[in-house]
């Protein structure tokens, strides 16, 4: 096995992994649909050895990160946060 084969194999595995993660995000409907589709397209483009194909997946990951930071998360399962949260003991 040569170094080039290992590079191609690892790049393909990473690209397919990101694509599967994008499909999972589409099915879960947690993030915007367009961002998940952009992640899938970018992940498949990473496999192609052309210059600047990483910009698409980079844009998708930035979009998903900003969306995650701006998301208004709901309350935890207990409904209480911080000092007022009490452990449930039976």
N, C-alpha and C. Protein backbone atom coordinates (compact mmCIF):
# COMPACT_ATOMS: atom_id res chain seq x y z
N UNK A 1 0.85 -1.18 0.00
CA UNK A 1 0.00 0.00 0.00
C UNK A 1 0.89 1.24 0.00
N UNK A 2 0.48 2.17 -0.79
CA UNK A 2 1.27 3.40 -0.86
C UNK A 2 0.61 4.50 -0.03
N UNK A 3 1.33 5.56 0.11
CA UNK A 3 0.82 6.70 0.87
C UNK A 3 -0.36 7.35 0.17
N UNK A 4 -0.34 7.38 -1.16
CA UNK A 4 -1.44 7.97 -1.92
C UNK A 4 -2.73 7.17 -1.73
N UNK A 5 -2.61 5.84 -1.70
CA UNK A 5 -3.79 5.01 -1.48
C UNK A 5 -4.39 5.26 -0.10
N UNK A 6 -3.54 5.40 0.90
CA UNK A 6 -4.03 5.69 2.25
C UNK A 6 -4.72 7.04 2.33
N UNK A 7 -4.18 8.02 1.62
CA UNK A 7 -4.80 9.34 1.59
C UNK A 7 -6.17 9.29 0.95
N UNK A 8 -6.27 8.61 -0.18
CA UNK A 8 -7.55 8.49 -0.88
C UNK A 8 -8.56 7.73 -0.03
N UNK A 9 -8.12 6.66 0.61
CA UNK A 9 -9.01 5.86 1.45
C UNK A 9 -9.52 6.67 2.65
N UNK A 10 -8.63 7.38 3.32
CA UNK A 10 -9.05 8.14 4.49
C UNK A 10 -9.94 9.33 4.10
N UNK A 11 -9.64 9.99 3.00
CA UNK A 11 -10.47 11.11 2.55
C UNK A 11 -11.86 10.62 2.18
N UNK A 12 -11.94 9.48 1.52
CA UNK A 12 -13.24 8.91 1.16
C UNK A 12 -14.03 8.53 2.41
N UNK A 13 -13.37 7.94 3.38
CA UNK A 13 -14.06 7.55 4.61
C UNK A 13 -14.58 8.77 5.37
N UNK A 14 -13.78 9.82 5.45
CA UNK A 14 -14.21 11.03 6.14
C UNK A 14 -15.36 11.69 5.40
N UNK A 15 -15.28 11.76 4.08
CA UNK A 15 -16.35 12.35 3.29
C UNK A 15 -17.66 11.59 3.44
N UNK A 16 -17.60 10.27 3.38
CA UNK A 16 -18.81 9.47 3.54
C UNK A 16 -19.37 9.57 4.96
N UNK A 17 -18.50 9.70 5.94
CA UNK A 17 -18.96 9.86 7.33
C UNK A 17 -19.71 11.17 7.51
N UNK A 18 -19.18 12.26 6.95
CA UNK A 18 -19.88 13.54 7.03
C UNK A 18 -21.20 13.49 6.28
N UNK A 19 -21.22 12.79 5.15
CA UNK A 19 -22.47 12.67 4.39
C UNK A 19 -23.53 11.92 5.20
N UNK A 20 -23.13 10.85 5.87
CA UNK A 20 -24.08 10.11 6.70
C UNK A 20 -24.56 10.95 7.88
N UNK A 21 -23.66 11.75 8.43
CA UNK A 21 -24.06 12.66 9.51
C UNK A 21 -25.08 13.68 9.00
N UNK A 22 -24.88 14.17 7.77
CA UNK A 22 -25.83 15.09 7.17
C UNK A 22 -27.19 14.44 6.96
N UNK A 23 -27.21 13.19 6.54
CA UNK A 23 -28.47 12.47 6.36
C UNK A 23 -29.17 12.31 7.71
N UNK A 24 -28.41 12.02 8.75
CA UNK A 24 -29.00 11.88 10.09
C UNK A 24 -29.59 13.22 10.55
N UNK A 25 -28.91 14.34 10.23
CA UNK A 25 -29.46 15.65 10.61
C UNK A 25 -30.73 15.95 9.83
N UNK A 26 -30.78 15.53 8.58
CA UNK A 26 -32.01 15.72 7.80
C UNK A 26 -33.17 14.95 8.42
N UNK A 27 -32.90 13.72 8.79
CA UNK A 27 -33.97 12.88 9.35
C UNK A 27 -34.41 13.37 10.73
N UNK A 28 -33.48 13.89 11.52
CA UNK A 28 -33.81 14.34 12.87
C UNK A 28 -34.48 15.71 12.86
N UNK A 29 -34.30 16.47 11.79
CA UNK A 29 -34.89 17.81 11.66
C UNK A 29 -34.49 18.73 12.81
N UNK A 30 -33.22 18.66 13.20
CA UNK A 30 -32.71 19.48 14.29
C UNK A 30 -32.18 20.81 13.76
N UNK A 31 -31.51 20.75 12.62
CA UNK A 31 -30.92 21.93 12.00
C UNK A 31 -31.70 22.30 10.75
N UNK A 32 -31.45 23.48 10.20
CA UNK A 32 -32.13 23.87 8.97
C UNK A 32 -31.85 22.86 7.84
N UNK A 33 -32.88 22.60 7.08
CA UNK A 33 -32.80 21.60 6.02
C UNK A 33 -31.72 21.95 4.99
N UNK A 34 -31.64 23.22 4.61
CA UNK A 34 -30.68 23.63 3.59
C UNK A 34 -29.25 23.45 4.09
N UNK A 35 -29.01 23.71 5.35
CA UNK A 35 -27.67 23.54 5.91
C UNK A 35 -27.26 22.06 5.92
N UNK A 36 -28.20 21.19 6.22
CA UNK A 36 -27.90 19.76 6.22
C UNK A 36 -27.63 19.27 4.79
N UNK A 37 -28.39 19.76 3.82
CA UNK A 37 -28.17 19.38 2.43
C UNK A 37 -26.81 19.92 1.96
N UNK A 38 -26.48 21.14 2.37
CA UNK A 38 -25.19 21.71 2.01
C UNK A 38 -24.05 20.89 2.61
N UNK A 39 -24.24 20.36 3.81
CA UNK A 39 -23.23 19.50 4.43
C UNK A 39 -23.05 18.21 3.63
N UNK A 40 -24.15 17.63 3.18
CA UNK A 40 -24.06 16.39 2.40
C UNK A 40 -23.33 16.65 1.08
N UNK A 41 -23.69 17.74 0.40
CA UNK A 41 -23.04 18.07 -0.87
C UNK A 41 -21.55 18.35 -0.64
N UNK A 42 -21.25 19.12 0.40
CA UNK A 42 -19.85 19.42 0.70
C UNK A 42 -19.06 18.18 1.05
N UNK A 43 -19.68 17.26 1.77
CA UNK A 43 -18.99 16.03 2.15
C UNK A 43 -18.67 15.18 0.93
N UNK A 44 -19.59 15.14 -0.01
CA UNK A 44 -19.34 14.36 -1.22
C UNK A 44 -18.33 15.06 -2.12
N UNK A 45 -18.28 16.39 -2.08
CA UNK A 45 -17.29 17.12 -2.88
C UNK A 45 -15.88 16.98 -2.32
N UNK A 46 -15.77 16.74 -1.02
CA UNK A 46 -14.45 16.59 -0.40
C UNK A 46 -13.74 15.36 -0.98
N UNK A 47 -14.52 14.36 -1.38
CA UNK A 47 -13.94 13.14 -1.93
C UNK A 47 -13.25 13.43 -3.27
N UNK A 48 -13.79 14.40 -4.03
CA UNK A 48 -13.22 14.74 -5.34
C UNK A 48 -11.92 15.52 -5.13
N UNK A 49 -10.84 15.08 -5.71
CA UNK A 49 -9.55 15.77 -5.49
C UNK A 49 -9.38 17.00 -6.37
N UNK A 50 -10.20 18.00 -6.16
CA UNK A 50 -10.11 19.26 -6.88
C UNK A 50 -9.81 20.38 -5.90
N UNK A 51 -9.19 21.45 -6.35
CA UNK A 51 -8.92 22.56 -5.43
C UNK A 51 -10.20 23.26 -5.01
N UNK A 52 -10.21 23.74 -3.79
CA UNK A 52 -11.29 24.54 -3.20
C UNK A 52 -12.60 23.77 -3.04
N UNK A 53 -12.58 22.44 -2.99
CA UNK A 53 -13.82 21.71 -2.75
C UNK A 53 -14.19 21.71 -1.27
N UNK A 54 -13.24 22.06 -0.41
CA UNK A 54 -13.52 22.10 1.03
C UNK A 54 -14.32 23.30 1.47
N UNK A 55 -14.46 24.32 0.62
CA UNK A 55 -15.18 25.52 1.02
C UNK A 55 -16.66 25.25 1.26
N UNK A 56 -17.23 24.32 0.54
CA UNK A 56 -18.66 24.03 0.70
C UNK A 56 -18.92 23.41 2.06
N UNK A 57 -18.13 22.42 2.44
CA UNK A 57 -18.33 21.79 3.75
C UNK A 57 -17.97 22.76 4.87
N UNK A 58 -16.98 23.63 4.63
CA UNK A 58 -16.64 24.63 5.64
C UNK A 58 -17.80 25.60 5.86
N UNK A 59 -18.43 26.03 4.78
CA UNK A 59 -19.57 26.94 4.90
C UNK A 59 -20.73 26.27 5.64
N UNK A 60 -20.96 24.98 5.33
CA UNK A 60 -22.04 24.26 6.00
C UNK A 60 -21.76 24.11 7.50
N UNK A 61 -20.51 23.80 7.85
CA UNK A 61 -20.18 23.63 9.27
C UNK A 61 -20.24 24.95 10.03
N UNK A 62 -19.85 26.05 9.37
CA UNK A 62 -19.98 27.36 10.01
C UNK A 62 -21.44 27.69 10.24
N UNK A 63 -22.27 27.43 9.24
CA UNK A 63 -23.71 27.69 9.37
C UNK A 63 -24.31 26.86 10.51
N UNK A 64 -23.97 25.59 10.57
CA UNK A 64 -24.50 24.73 11.63
C UNK A 64 -24.01 25.16 13.00
N UNK A 65 -22.75 25.59 13.09
CA UNK A 65 -22.22 26.06 14.36
C UNK A 65 -22.88 27.33 14.85
N UNK A 66 -23.08 28.27 13.94
CA UNK A 66 -23.76 29.52 14.31
C UNK A 66 -25.20 29.23 14.72
N UNK A 67 -25.83 28.32 14.00
CA UNK A 67 -27.21 27.97 14.34
C UNK A 67 -27.28 27.30 15.71
N UNK A 68 -26.30 26.47 16.03
CA UNK A 68 -26.29 25.80 17.34
C UNK A 68 -26.05 26.80 18.47
N UNK A 69 -25.21 27.80 18.22
CA UNK A 69 -24.95 28.79 19.26
C UNK A 69 -26.12 29.75 19.45
N UNK A 70 -26.85 30.01 18.39
CA UNK A 70 -27.99 30.92 18.49
C UNK A 70 -29.28 30.24 18.91
N UNK A 71 -29.33 28.95 18.90
CA UNK A 71 -30.56 28.22 19.19
C UNK A 71 -31.01 28.47 20.63
N UNK A 72 -32.28 28.65 20.77
CA UNK A 72 -32.85 28.80 22.10
C UNK A 72 -33.23 27.42 22.60
N UNK A 73 -32.38 26.89 23.44
CA UNK A 73 -32.61 25.54 23.95
C UNK A 73 -33.74 25.53 24.96
N UNK A 74 -34.45 24.44 24.99
CA UNK A 74 -35.52 24.28 25.97
C UNK A 74 -34.95 23.93 27.33
N UNK A 75 -35.84 23.86 28.30
CA UNK A 75 -35.42 23.52 29.66
C UNK A 75 -35.07 22.04 29.72
N UNK A 76 -34.21 21.65 30.64
CA UNK A 76 -33.90 20.23 30.80
C UNK A 76 -35.13 19.45 31.22
N UNK A 77 -34.98 18.15 31.30
CA UNK A 77 -36.12 17.28 31.61
C UNK A 77 -36.74 17.61 32.96
N UNK A 78 -35.96 18.11 33.92
CA UNK A 78 -36.52 18.42 35.22
C UNK A 78 -37.27 19.74 35.22
N UNK A 79 -36.98 20.60 34.25
CA UNK A 79 -37.65 21.89 34.20
C UNK A 79 -36.98 22.94 35.06
N UNK A 80 -35.93 22.58 35.79
CA UNK A 80 -35.23 23.53 36.66
C UNK A 80 -33.75 23.52 36.32
N UNK A 81 -33.15 24.71 36.48
CA UNK A 81 -31.73 24.82 36.17
C UNK A 81 -31.06 25.57 37.32
N UNK A 82 -29.82 25.17 37.60
CA UNK A 82 -29.04 25.92 38.56
C UNK A 82 -29.28 25.51 40.00
N UNK A 83 -29.22 26.52 40.90
CA UNK A 83 -29.27 26.26 42.34
C UNK A 83 -30.64 25.73 42.78
N UNK A 84 -31.70 26.11 42.05
CA UNK A 84 -33.04 25.68 42.50
C UNK A 84 -33.35 24.24 42.12
N UNK A 85 -32.51 23.61 41.33
CA UNK A 85 -32.72 22.20 40.95
C UNK A 85 -32.41 21.31 42.15
N UNK A 86 -33.30 20.42 42.46
CA UNK A 86 -33.15 19.51 43.58
C UNK A 86 -33.07 18.08 43.05
N UNK A 87 -32.21 17.26 43.65
CA UNK A 87 -32.13 15.86 43.21
C UNK A 87 -33.39 15.11 43.61
N UNK A 88 -33.75 14.15 42.80
CA UNK A 88 -34.93 13.34 43.10
C UNK A 88 -34.47 12.10 43.85
N UNK A 89 -34.88 11.96 45.11
CA UNK A 89 -34.51 10.83 45.93
C UNK A 89 -35.77 10.10 46.32
N UNK A 90 -35.76 8.80 46.18
CA UNK A 90 -36.94 8.02 46.53
C UNK A 90 -36.71 7.22 47.77
